[in-house]
Protein backbone atom coordinates (compact mmCIF):
# COMPACT_ATOMS: atom_id res chain seq x y z
CA MET A 1 31.73 -47.05 -113.85
CA VAL A 2 28.71 -45.80 -115.79
CA VAL A 3 30.22 -46.89 -119.06
CA ALA A 4 30.68 -50.45 -117.73
CA PHE A 5 27.07 -50.45 -116.41
CA LEU A 6 25.74 -49.35 -119.82
CA LEU A 7 27.84 -51.90 -121.70
CA ILE A 8 26.61 -54.76 -119.50
CA VAL A 9 23.01 -53.63 -119.93
CA LEU A 10 23.51 -53.52 -123.67
CA LEU A 11 25.03 -57.01 -123.57
CA ALA A 12 22.05 -58.30 -121.57
CA VAL A 13 19.57 -56.75 -124.03
CA ALA A 14 21.50 -58.23 -126.99
CA LEU A 15 21.52 -61.75 -125.40
CA GLY A 16 17.79 -61.38 -124.69
CA ILE A 17 16.98 -60.48 -128.27
CA ILE A 18 19.10 -63.29 -129.67
CA GLY A 19 17.55 -65.70 -127.20
CA VAL A 20 14.02 -64.76 -128.32
CA ALA A 21 14.79 -64.55 -132.10
CA VAL A 22 16.66 -67.82 -132.50
CA HIS A 23 14.59 -70.97 -131.86
CA GLY A 24 16.20 -73.20 -129.28
CA LEU A 25 18.33 -70.57 -127.61
CA GLY A 26 15.93 -69.59 -124.80
CA TYR A 27 18.72 -70.00 -122.30
CA LEU A 28 20.33 -66.83 -123.75
CA LEU A 29 17.21 -64.97 -122.74
CA ALA A 30 17.53 -66.34 -119.20
CA VAL A 31 21.27 -65.38 -119.14
CA GLY A 32 20.43 -61.90 -120.31
CA ILE A 33 17.77 -61.44 -117.69
CA VAL A 34 20.09 -62.68 -114.90
CA LEU A 35 22.90 -60.46 -116.14
CA PHE A 36 20.60 -57.42 -116.22
CA ILE A 37 19.27 -58.10 -112.69
CA ALA A 38 22.81 -58.61 -111.35
CA ASP A 39 24.06 -55.40 -112.98
CA VAL A 40 21.13 -53.36 -111.60
CA ALA A 41 21.69 -54.84 -108.14
CA PHE A 42 25.42 -54.08 -108.28
CA ILE A 43 24.89 -50.46 -109.34
CA THR A 44 22.20 -50.00 -106.65
CA VAL A 45 24.49 -51.33 -103.89
CA ARG A 46 27.41 -49.28 -105.13
CA GLY A 47 25.27 -46.14 -105.37
CA GLY A 48 23.75 -46.75 -101.94
CA ARG A 49 27.16 -46.67 -100.34
CA ARG A 50 27.83 -43.22 -101.74
CA LEU A 51 24.70 -41.80 -100.25
CA HIS A 52 25.84 -42.67 -96.72
CA ARG A 53 29.18 -40.91 -96.95
CA ARG A 54 29.47 -37.53 -95.34
CA PRO A 55 31.41 -34.76 -97.10
CA LEU A 56 34.82 -33.86 -95.72
CA ARG A 57 34.99 -30.38 -94.17
């Protein structure tokens, strides 16, 4: 799960850099930002569910 999170963050950063560097591709920057926010939200929700579980005894 952590590997997928890091790959998606890397993809978002790459899209952001390409969107800034290439004139006329500002939408890639927007896609990268949205992808990054969605990924952080997903990992936060997924991690939040684990905190509420009680260990089996």
